[in-house]
Full PDB file with SEQRES, HELIX, SHEET, SSBOND, CRYST1, ORIGX, SCALE, CONECT and MASTER records, all heavy atoms in Angstrom:
SEQRES   1 A   37  THR MET LYS GLU GLY SER GLY SER ARG VAL ARG ILE SER          
SEQRES   2 A   37  LEU ASN SER THR ASN ILE VAL LEU HIS ARG PRO HIS PRO          
SEQRES   3 A   37  SER PRO ASP MET ASP LYS GLY ALA VAL ARG THR                  
HELIX    1 AA1 LYS A   32  ARG A   36  1                                   5    
SHEET    1 AA1 3 MET A   2  GLU A   4  0                                        
SHEET    2 AA1 3 ARG A   9  LEU A  14 -1                                        
SHEET    3 AA1 3 THR A  17  HIS A  22 -1                                        
CRYST1    1.000    1.000    1.000  90.00  90.00  90.00 P 1           1          
ORIGX1      1.000000  0.000000  0.000000        0.00000                         
ORIGX2      0.000000  1.000000  0.000000        0.00000                         
ORIGX3      0.000000  0.000000  1.000000        0.00000                         
SCALE1      1.000000  0.000000  0.000000        0.00000                         
SCALE2      0.000000  1.000000  0.000000        0.00000                         
SCALE3      0.000000  0.000000  1.000000        0.00000                         
ATOM      1  N   THR A   1       0.867  -1.174   0.000  1.00  0.00           N  
ATOM      2  CA  THR A   1       0.000   0.000   0.000  1.00  0.00           C  
ATOM      3  C   THR A   1       0.901   1.220   0.000  1.00  0.00           C  
ATOM      4  O   THR A   1       1.921   1.252   0.688  1.00  0.00           O  
ATOM      5  CB  THR A   1      -0.938   0.028   1.225  1.00  0.00           C  
ATOM      6  OG1 THR A   1      -0.154  -0.010   2.416  1.00  0.00           O  
ATOM      7  CG2 THR A   1      -1.884  -1.154   1.214  1.00  0.00           C  
ATOM      8  N   MET A   2       0.511   2.215  -0.773  1.00  0.00           N  
ATOM      9  CA  MET A   2       1.317   3.429  -0.914  1.00  0.00           C  
ATOM     10  C   MET A   2       0.441   4.634  -0.613  1.00  0.00           C  
ATOM     11  O   MET A   2      -0.668   4.737  -1.125  1.00  0.00           O  
ATOM     12  CB  MET A   2       1.904   3.508  -2.312  1.00  0.00           C  
ATOM     13  CG  MET A   2       2.759   2.310  -2.655  1.00  0.00           C  
ATOM     14  SD  MET A   2       3.370   2.322  -4.347  1.00  0.00           S  
ATOM     15  CE  MET A   2       4.586   3.602  -4.220  1.00  0.00           C  
ATOM     16  N   LYS A   3       0.957   5.540   0.226  1.00  0.00           N  
ATOM     17  CA  LYS A   3       0.238   6.759   0.565  1.00  0.00           C  
ATOM     18  C   LYS A   3       1.162   7.944   0.335  1.00  0.00           C  
ATOM     19  O   LYS A   3       2.340   7.898   0.686  1.00  0.00           O  
ATOM     20  CB  LYS A   3      -0.211   6.743   2.031  1.00  0.00           C  
ATOM     21  CG  LYS A   3      -1.238   5.682   2.333  1.00  0.00           C  
ATOM     22  CD  LYS A   3      -1.667   5.752   3.773  1.00  0.00           C  
ATOM     23  CE  LYS A   3      -2.669   4.644   4.062  1.00  0.00           C  
ATOM     24  NZ  LYS A   3      -3.044   4.609   5.463  1.00  0.00           N  
ATOM     25  N   GLU A   4       0.591   8.982  -0.239  1.00  0.00           N  
ATOM     26  CA  GLU A   4       1.354  10.207  -0.481  1.00  0.00           C  
ATOM     27  C   GLU A   4       1.598  10.922   0.838  1.00  0.00           C  
ATOM     28  O   GLU A   4       0.683  11.079   1.648  1.00  0.00           O  
ATOM     29  CB  GLU A   4       0.591  11.129  -1.428  1.00  0.00           C  
ATOM     30  CG  GLU A   4       0.386  10.549  -2.809  1.00  0.00           C  
ATOM     31  CD  GLU A   4       1.683  10.380  -3.580  1.00  0.00           C  
ATOM     32  OE1 GLU A   4       2.565  11.245  -3.466  1.00  0.00           O  
ATOM     33  OE2 GLU A   4       1.794   9.382  -4.291  1.00  0.00           O  
ATOM     34  N   GLY A   5       2.815  11.352   1.044  1.00  0.00           N  
ATOM     35  CA  GLY A   5       3.149  12.154   2.200  1.00  0.00           C  
ATOM     36  C   GLY A   5       3.319  13.593   1.765  1.00  0.00           C  
ATOM     37  O   GLY A   5       2.912  13.973   0.668  1.00  0.00           O  
ATOM     38  N   SER A   6       3.948  14.401   2.586  1.00  0.00           N  
ATOM     39  CA  SER A   6       4.177  15.789   2.209  1.00  0.00           C  
ATOM     40  C   SER A   6       5.356  15.881   1.248  1.00  0.00           C  
ATOM     41  O   SER A   6       6.301  15.100   1.326  1.00  0.00           O  
ATOM     42  CB  SER A   6       4.429  16.641   3.453  1.00  0.00           C  
ATOM     43  OG  SER A   6       5.570  16.178   4.137  1.00  0.00           O  
ATOM     44  N   GLY A   7       5.259  16.809   0.339  1.00  0.00           N  
ATOM     45  CA  GLY A   7       6.317  16.974  -0.652  1.00  0.00           C  
ATOM     46  C   GLY A   7       6.411  15.764  -1.558  1.00  0.00           C  
ATOM     47  O   GLY A   7       5.416  15.293  -2.099  1.00  0.00           O  
ATOM     48  N   SER A   8       7.609  15.219  -1.698  1.00  0.00           N  
ATOM     49  CA  SER A   8       7.808  14.069  -2.585  1.00  0.00           C  
ATOM     50  C   SER A   8       7.848  12.748  -1.814  1.00  0.00           C  
ATOM     51  O   SER A   8       8.211  11.722  -2.366  1.00  0.00           O  
ATOM     52  CB  SER A   8       9.108  14.252  -3.369  1.00  0.00           C  
ATOM     53  OG  SER A   8      10.211  14.283  -2.486  1.00  0.00           O  
ATOM     54  N   ARG A   9       7.454  12.769  -0.545  1.00  0.00           N  
ATOM     55  CA  ARG A   9       7.499  11.555   0.269  1.00  0.00           C  
ATOM     56  C   ARG A   9       6.365  10.589  -0.087  1.00  0.00           C  
ATOM     57  O   ARG A   9       5.245  11.005  -0.367  1.00  0.00           O  
ATOM     58  CB  ARG A   9       7.404  11.900   1.746  1.00  0.00           C  
ATOM     59  CG  ARG A   9       8.617  12.625   2.267  1.00  0.00           C  
ATOM     60  CD  ARG A   9       8.460  12.892   3.754  1.00  0.00           C  
ATOM     61  NE  ARG A   9       9.550  13.695   4.234  1.00  0.00           N  
ATOM     62  CZ  ARG A   9       9.489  15.022   4.394  1.00  0.00           C  
ATOM     63  NH1 ARG A   9       8.380  15.677   4.119  1.00  0.00           N  
ATOM     64  NH2 ARG A   9      10.544  15.687   4.819  1.00  0.00           N  
ATOM     65  N   VAL A  10       6.703   9.308  -0.051  1.00  0.00           N  
ATOM     66  CA  VAL A  10       5.717   8.260  -0.285  1.00  0.00           C  
ATOM     67  C   VAL A  10       5.879   7.235   0.828  1.00  0.00           C  
ATOM     68  O   VAL A  10       6.968   6.700   1.038  1.00  0.00           O  
ATOM     69  CB  VAL A  10       5.934   7.579  -1.664  1.00  0.00           C  
ATOM     70  CG1 VAL A  10       4.920   6.483  -1.883  1.00  0.00           C  
ATOM     71  CG2 VAL A  10       5.881   8.593  -2.782  1.00  0.00           C  
ATOM     72  N   ARG A  11       4.796   6.974   1.557  1.00  0.00           N  
ATOM     73  CA  ARG A  11       4.805   5.979   2.626  1.00  0.00           C  
ATOM     74  C   ARG A  11       4.390   4.643   2.029  1.00  0.00           C  
ATOM     75  O   ARG A  11       3.349   4.535   1.395  1.00  0.00           O  
ATOM     76  CB  ARG A  11       3.836   6.374   3.726  1.00  0.00           C  
ATOM     77  CG  ARG A  11       4.303   7.540   4.543  1.00  0.00           C  
ATOM     78  CD  ARG A  11       3.209   7.961   5.541  1.00  0.00           C  
ATOM     79  NE  ARG A  11       3.668   8.919   6.506  1.00  0.00           N  
ATOM     80  CZ  ARG A  11       3.947  10.197   6.250  1.00  0.00           C  
ATOM     81  NH1 ARG A  11       3.827  10.650   5.031  1.00  0.00           N  
ATOM     82  NH2 ARG A  11       4.352  11.001   7.198  1.00  0.00           N  
ATOM     83  N   ILE A  12       5.223   3.630   2.260  1.00  0.00           N  
ATOM     84  CA  ILE A  12       4.987   2.315   1.674  1.00  0.00           C  
ATOM     85  C   ILE A  12       4.919   1.285   2.787  1.00  0.00           C  
ATOM     86  O   ILE A  12       5.756   1.276   3.692  1.00  0.00           O  
ATOM     87  CB  ILE A  12       6.121   1.954   0.694  1.00  0.00           C  
ATOM     88  CG1 ILE A  12       6.249   3.029  -0.387  1.00  0.00           C  
ATOM     89  CG2 ILE A  12       5.868   0.589   0.064  1.00  0.00           C  
ATOM     90  CD1 ILE A  12       7.523   2.944  -1.192  1.00  0.00           C  
ATOM     91  N   SER A  13       3.922   0.403   2.706  1.00  0.00           N  
ATOM     92  CA  SER A  13       3.761  -0.679   3.669  1.00  0.00           C  
ATOM     93  C   SER A  13       3.618  -1.983   2.898  1.00  0.00           C  
ATOM     94  O   SER A  13       2.806  -2.087   1.982  1.00  0.00           O  
ATOM     95  CB  SER A  13       2.516  -0.436   4.531  1.00  0.00           C  
ATOM     96  OG  SER A  13       2.350  -1.486   5.445  1.00  0.00           O  
ATOM     97  N   LEU A  14       4.448  -2.971   3.271  1.00  0.00           N  
ATOM     98  CA  LEU A  14       4.427  -4.273   2.604  1.00  0.00           C  
ATOM     99  C   LEU A  14       4.757  -5.343   3.637  1.00  0.00           C  
ATOM    100  O   LEU A  14       5.814  -5.286   4.283  1.00  0.00           O  
ATOM    101  CB  LEU A  14       5.452  -4.303   1.470  1.00  0.00           C  
ATOM    102  CG  LEU A  14       5.618  -5.602   0.697  1.00  0.00           C  
ATOM    103  CD1 LEU A  14       4.314  -5.971  -0.015  1.00  0.00           C  
ATOM    104  CD2 LEU A  14       6.741  -5.480  -0.317  1.00  0.00           C  
ATOM    105  N   ASN A  15       3.848  -6.295   3.820  1.00  0.00           N  
ATOM    106  CA  ASN A  15       4.052  -7.399   4.764  1.00  0.00           C  
ATOM    107  C   ASN A  15       4.456  -6.895   6.153  1.00  0.00           C  
ATOM    108  O   ASN A  15       5.425  -7.363   6.747  1.00  0.00           O  
ATOM    109  CB  ASN A  15       5.098  -8.379   4.235  1.00  0.00           C  
ATOM    110  CG  ASN A  15       4.685  -9.022   2.936  1.00  0.00           C  
ATOM    111  OD1 ASN A  15       3.507  -9.102   2.620  1.00  0.00           O  
ATOM    112  ND2 ASN A  15       5.657  -9.461   2.162  1.00  0.00           N  
ATOM    113  N   SER A  16       3.730  -5.919   6.664  1.00  0.00           N  
ATOM    114  CA  SER A  16       3.963  -5.326   7.998  1.00  0.00           C  
ATOM    115  C   SER A  16       5.314  -4.625   8.119  1.00  0.00           C  
ATOM    116  O   SER A  16       5.800  -4.401   9.228  1.00  0.00           O  
ATOM    117  CB  SER A  16       3.822  -6.387   9.100  1.00  0.00           C  
ATOM    118  OG  SER A  16       2.544  -6.961   9.070  1.00  0.00           O  
ATOM    119  N   THR A  17       5.938  -4.296   7.006  1.00  0.00           N  
ATOM    120  CA  THR A  17       7.185  -3.540   6.997  1.00  0.00           C  
ATOM    121  C   THR A  17       6.890  -2.188   6.351  1.00  0.00           C  
ATOM    122  O   THR A  17       6.226  -2.126   5.320  1.00  0.00           O  
ATOM    123  CB  THR A  17       8.264  -4.280   6.186  1.00  0.00           C  
ATOM    124  OG1 THR A  17       8.399  -5.604   6.712  1.00  0.00           O  
ATOM    125  CG2 THR A  17       9.603  -3.579   6.261  1.00  0.00           C  
ATOM    126  N   ASN A  18       7.369  -1.120   6.986  1.00  0.00           N  
ATOM    127  CA  ASN A  18       7.064   0.229   6.514  1.00  0.00           C  
ATOM    128  C   ASN A  18       8.334   0.987   6.173  1.00  0.00           C  
ATOM    129  O   ASN A  18       9.379   0.775   6.793  1.00  0.00           O  
ATOM    130  CB  ASN A  18       6.283   0.995   7.581  1.00  0.00           C  
ATOM    131  CG  ASN A  18       5.002   0.307   7.944  1.00  0.00           C  
ATOM    132  OD1 ASN A  18       4.186   0.020   7.076  1.00  0.00           O  
ATOM    133  ND2 ASN A  18       4.823   0.024   9.223  1.00  0.00           N  
ATOM    134  N   ILE A  19       8.193   1.914   5.216  1.00  0.00           N  
ATOM    135  CA  ILE A  19       9.304   2.779   4.833  1.00  0.00           C  
ATOM    136  C   ILE A  19       8.727   4.059   4.237  1.00  0.00           C  
ATOM    137  O   ILE A  19       7.607   4.063   3.724  1.00  0.00           O  
ATOM    138  CB  ILE A  19      10.237   2.075   3.824  1.00  0.00           C  
ATOM    139  CG1 ILE A  19      11.534   2.858   3.642  1.00  0.00           C  
ATOM    140  CG2 ILE A  19       9.540   1.877   2.489  1.00  0.00           C  
ATOM    141  CD1 ILE A  19      12.585   2.128   2.845  1.00  0.00           C  
ATOM    142  N   VAL A  20       9.504   5.123   4.325  1.00  0.00           N  
ATOM    143  CA  VAL A  20       9.163   6.370   3.649  1.00  0.00           C  
ATOM    144  C   VAL A  20      10.281   6.645   2.656  1.00  0.00           C  
ATOM    145  O   VAL A  20      11.452   6.734   3.035  1.00  0.00           O  
ATOM    146  CB  VAL A  20       9.030   7.550   4.641  1.00  0.00           C  
ATOM    147  CG1 VAL A  20       8.769   8.850   3.889  1.00  0.00           C  
ATOM    148  CG2 VAL A  20       7.933   7.279   5.649  1.00  0.00           C  
ATOM    149  N   LEU A  21       9.930   6.725   1.385  1.00  0.00           N  
ATOM    150  CA  LEU A  21      10.889   7.040   0.335  1.00  0.00           C  
ATOM    151  C   LEU A  21      10.525   8.376  -0.292  1.00  0.00           C  
ATOM    152  O   LEU A  21       9.376   8.807  -0.236  1.00  0.00           O  
ATOM    153  CB  LEU A  21      10.880   5.959  -0.758  1.00  0.00           C  
ATOM    154  CG  LEU A  21      11.392   4.578  -0.374  1.00  0.00           C  
ATOM    155  CD1 LEU A  21      11.205   3.615  -1.546  1.00  0.00           C  
ATOM    156  CD2 LEU A  21      12.850   4.639   0.017  1.00  0.00           C  
ATOM    157  N   HIS A  22      11.514   9.002  -0.906  1.00  0.00           N  
ATOM    158  CA  HIS A  22      11.271  10.232  -1.645  1.00  0.00           C  
ATOM    159  C   HIS A  22      11.168   9.899  -3.120  1.00  0.00           C  
ATOM    160  O   HIS A  22      12.034   9.216  -3.664  1.00  0.00           O  
ATOM    161  CB  HIS A  22      12.416  11.226  -1.421  1.00  0.00           C  
ATOM    162  CG  HIS A  22      12.420  11.812  -0.057  1.00  0.00           C  
ATOM    163  ND1 HIS A  22      11.854  13.027   0.215  1.00  0.00           N  
ATOM    164  CD2 HIS A  22      12.880  11.346   1.116  1.00  0.00           C  
ATOM    165  CE1 HIS A  22      11.978  13.290   1.497  1.00  0.00           C  
ATOM    166  NE2 HIS A  22      12.607  12.277   2.074  1.00  0.00           N  
ATOM    167  N   ARG A  23      10.096  10.367  -3.742  1.00  0.00           N  
ATOM    168  CA  ARG A  23       9.930  10.188  -5.175  1.00  0.00           C  
ATOM    169  C   ARG A  23      11.029  11.025  -5.854  1.00  0.00           C  
ATOM    170  O   ARG A  23      11.212  12.193  -5.525  1.00  0.00           O  
ATOM    171  CB  ARG A  23       8.544  10.687  -5.604  1.00  0.00           C  
ATOM    172  CG  ARG A  23       8.281  10.577  -7.071  1.00  0.00           C  
ATOM    173  CD  ARG A  23       6.882  11.023  -7.433  1.00  0.00           C  
ATOM    174  NE  ARG A  23       5.954   9.956  -7.090  1.00  0.00           N  
ATOM    175  CZ  ARG A  23       5.021  10.046  -6.155  1.00  0.00           C  
ATOM    176  NH1 ARG A  23       4.874  11.154  -5.467  1.00  0.00           N  
ATOM    177  NH2 ARG A  23       4.222   9.036  -5.904  1.00  0.00           N  
ATOM    178  N   PRO A  24      11.799  10.409  -6.762  1.00  0.00           N  
ATOM    179  CA  PRO A  24      12.897  11.150  -7.384  1.00  0.00           C  
ATOM    180  C   PRO A  24      12.374  12.290  -8.266  1.00  0.00           C  
ATOM    181  O   PRO A  24      11.344  12.154  -8.922  1.00  0.00           O  
ATOM    182  CB  PRO A  24      13.615  10.090  -8.220  1.00  0.00           C  
ATOM    183  CG  PRO A  24      12.639   8.995  -8.411  1.00  0.00           C  
ATOM    184  CD  PRO A  24      11.691   9.042  -7.261  1.00  0.00           C  
ATOM    185  N   HIS A  25      13.088  13.395  -8.223  1.00  0.00           N  
ATOM    186  CA  HIS A  25      12.745  14.526  -9.076  1.00  0.00           C  
ATOM    187  C   HIS A  25      13.969  15.387  -9.249  1.00  0.00           C  
ATOM    188  O   HIS A  25      14.853  15.362  -8.401  1.00  0.00           O  
ATOM    189  CB  HIS A  25      11.587  15.334  -8.486  1.00  0.00           C  
ATOM    190  CG  HIS A  25      11.864  15.864  -7.100  1.00  0.00           C  
ATOM    191  ND1 HIS A  25      12.573  17.009  -6.860  1.00  0.00           N  
ATOM    192  CD2 HIS A  25      11.563  15.361  -5.889  1.00  0.00           C  
ATOM    193  CE1 HIS A  25      12.675  17.210  -5.552  1.00  0.00           C  
ATOM    194  NE2 HIS A  25      12.078  16.205  -4.934  1.00  0.00           N  
ATOM    195  N   PRO A  26      14.191  16.086 -10.287  1.00  0.00           N  
ATOM    196  CA  PRO A  26      13.325  16.215 -11.457  1.00  0.00           C  
ATOM    197  C   PRO A  26      13.400  15.002 -12.382  1.00  0.00           C  
ATOM    198  O   PRO A  26      12.530  14.789 -13.206  1.00  0.00           O  
ATOM    199  CB  PRO A  26      13.830  17.454 -12.163  1.00  0.00           C  
ATOM    200  CG  PRO A  26      15.272  17.523 -11.809  1.00  0.00           C  
ATOM    201  CD  PRO A  26      15.367  16.941 -10.411  1.00  0.00           C  
ATOM    202  N   SER A  27      14.425  14.177 -12.222  1.00  0.00           N  
ATOM    203  CA  SER A  27      14.562  12.980 -13.046  1.00  0.00           C  
ATOM    204  C   SER A  27      13.669  11.868 -12.487  1.00  0.00           C  
ATOM    205  O   SER A  27      13.531  11.748 -11.276  1.00  0.00           O  
ATOM    206  CB  SER A  27      16.023  12.514 -13.035  1.00  0.00           C  
ATOM    207  OG  SER A  27      16.150  11.244 -13.613  1.00  0.00           O  
ATOM    208  N   PRO A  28      13.086  11.034 -13.341  1.00  0.00           N  
ATOM    209  CA  PRO A  28      12.261   9.926 -12.845  1.00  0.00           C  
ATOM    210  C   PRO A  28      13.079   8.708 -12.410  1.00  0.00           C  
ATOM    211  O   PRO A  28      12.513   7.698 -12.015  1.00  0.00           O  
ATOM    212  CB  PRO A  28      11.391   9.589 -14.050  1.00  0.00           C  
ATOM    213  CG  PRO A  28      12.248   9.925 -15.223  1.00  0.00           C  
ATOM    214  CD  PRO A  28      13.042  11.141 -14.792  1.00  0.00           C  
ATOM    215  N   ASP A  29      14.417   8.797 -12.472  1.00  0.00           N  
ATOM    216  CA  ASP A  29      15.291   7.671 -12.163  1.00  0.00           C  
ATOM    217  C   ASP A  29      15.766   7.711 -10.715  1.00  0.00           C  
ATOM    218  O   ASP A  29      16.122   8.772 -10.197  1.00  0.00           O  
ATOM    219  CB  ASP A  29      16.515   7.674 -13.076  1.00  0.00           C  
ATOM    220  CG  ASP A  29      16.151   7.590 -14.540  1.00  0.00           C  
ATOM    221  OD1 ASP A  29      15.065   7.068 -14.853  1.00  0.00           O  
ATOM    222  OD2 ASP A  29      16.945   8.051 -15.379  1.00  0.00           O  
ATOM    223  N   MET A  30      15.814   6.543 -10.073  1.00  0.00           N  
ATOM    224  CA  MET A  30      16.308   6.438  -8.703  1.00  0.00           C  
ATOM    225  C   MET A  30      17.835   6.402  -8.705  1.00  0.00           C  
ATOM    226  O   MET A  30      18.436   5.802  -9.584  1.00  0.00           O  
ATOM    227  CB  MET A  30      15.761   5.173  -8.050  1.00  0.00           C  
ATOM    228  CG  MET A  30      14.254   5.158  -7.908  1.00  0.00           C  
ATOM    229  SD  MET A  30      13.641   3.642  -7.162  1.00  0.00           S  
ATOM    230  CE  MET A  30      14.209   3.843  -5.475  1.00  0.00           C  
ATOM    231  N   ASP A  31      18.451   7.029  -7.691  1.00  0.00           N  
ATOM    232  CA  ASP A  31      19.902   6.972  -7.573  1.00  0.00           C  
ATOM    233  C   ASP A  31      20.296   5.715  -6.798  1.00  0.00           C  
ATOM    234  O   ASP A  31      19.443   4.980  -6.289  1.00  0.00           O  
ATOM    235  CB  ASP A  31      20.461   8.238  -6.927  1.00  0.00           C  
ATOM    236  CG  ASP A  31      19.975   8.464  -5.500  1.00  0.00           C  
ATOM    237  OD1 ASP A  31      19.511   7.508  -4.848  1.00  0.00           O  
ATOM    238  OD2 ASP A  31      20.073   9.611  -5.033  1.00  0.00           O  
ATOM    239  N   LYS A  32      21.603   5.456  -6.706  1.00  0.00           N  
ATOM    240  CA  LYS A  32      22.091   4.221  -6.071  1.00  0.00           C  
ATOM    241  C   LYS A  32      21.683   4.116  -4.610  1.00  0.00           C  
ATOM    242  O   LYS A  32      21.346   3.040  -4.124  1.00  0.00           O  
ATOM    243  CB  LYS A  32      23.612   4.135  -6.186  1.00  0.00           C  
ATOM    244  CG  LYS A  32      24.091   3.787  -7.561  1.00  0.00           C  
ATOM    245  CD  LYS A  32      25.597   3.633  -7.578  1.00  0.00           C  
ATOM    246  CE  LYS A  32      26.074   3.306  -8.988  1.00  0.00           C  
ATOM    247  NZ  LYS A  32      27.507   3.055  -9.031  1.00  0.00           N  
ATOM    248  N   GLY A  33      21.713   5.223  -3.892  1.00  0.00           N  
ATOM    249  CA  GLY A  33      21.340   5.198  -2.476  1.00  0.00           C  
ATOM    250  C   GLY A  33      19.883   4.820  -2.275  1.00  0.00           C  
ATOM    251  O   GLY A  33      19.551   4.034  -1.385  1.00  0.00           O  
ATOM    252  N   ALA A  34      19.013   5.364  -3.100  1.00  0.00           N  
ATOM    253  CA  ALA A  34      17.586   5.037  -3.001  1.00  0.00           C  
ATOM    254  C   ALA A  34      17.333   3.583  -3.376  1.00  0.00           C  
ATOM    255  O   ALA A  34      16.524   2.904  -2.744  1.00  0.00           O  
ATOM    256  CB  ALA A  34      16.775   5.965  -3.901  1.00  0.00           C  
ATOM    257  N   VAL A  35      18.044   3.082  -4.361  1.00  0.00           N  
ATOM    258  CA  VAL A  35      17.887   1.681  -4.773  1.00  0.00           C  
ATOM    259  C   VAL A  35      18.375   0.765  -3.659  1.00  0.00           C  
ATOM    260  O   VAL A  35      17.741  -0.248  -3.352  1.00  0.00           O  
ATOM    261  CB  VAL A  35      18.630   1.397  -6.098  1.00  0.00           C  
ATOM    262  CG1 VAL A  35      18.596  -0.085  -6.441  1.00  0.00           C  
ATOM    263  CG2 VAL A  35      18.033   2.204  -7.237  1.00  0.00           C  
ATOM    264  N   ARG A  36      19.477   1.121  -3.009  1.00  0.00           N  
ATOM    265  CA  ARG A  36      20.010   0.328  -1.897  1.00  0.00           C  
ATOM    266  C   ARG A  36      18.997   0.284  -0.745  1.00  0.00           C  
ATOM    267  O   ARG A  36      18.742  -0.779  -0.163  1.00  0.00           O  
ATOM    268  CB  ARG A  36      21.336   0.917  -1.414  1.00  0.00           C  
ATOM    269  CG  ARG A  36      22.048   0.083  -0.388  1.00  0.00           C  
ATOM    270  CD  ARG A  36      23.409   0.665   0.030  1.00  0.00           C  
ATOM    271  NE  ARG A  36      24.175   1.196  -1.082  1.00  0.00           N  
ATOM    272  CZ  ARG A  36      24.449   2.494  -1.262  1.00  0.00           C  
ATOM    273  NH1 ARG A  36      24.013   3.397  -0.401  1.00  0.00           N  
ATOM    274  NH2 ARG A  36      25.166   2.893  -2.295  1.00  0.00           N  
ATOM    275  N   THR A  37      18.396   1.424  -0.421  1.00  0.00           N  
ATOM    276  CA  THR A  37      17.390   1.493   0.637  1.00  0.00           C  
ATOM    277  C   THR A  37      16.172   0.648   0.282  1.00  0.00           C  
ATOM    278  O   THR A  37      15.643  -0.085   1.127  1.00  0.00           O  
ATOM    279  CB  THR A  37      16.967   2.954   0.871  1.00  0.00           C  
ATOM    280  OG1 THR A  37      18.124   3.714   1.239  1.00  0.00           O  
ATOM    281  CG2 THR A  37      15.922   3.062   1.961  1.00  0.00           C  
TER     282      THR A  37                                                      
MASTER        0    0    0    1    3    0    0    6  281    1    0    3          
END                                                                             
């Protein structure tokens, strides 16, 4: 499940595990740090 947070934040919940990621901008591509997370 994905919920929009403030700004570019996206709250994600999967199998009782939660994380907040930042939607990449201005490029639609994720950097290495975001992919590692």
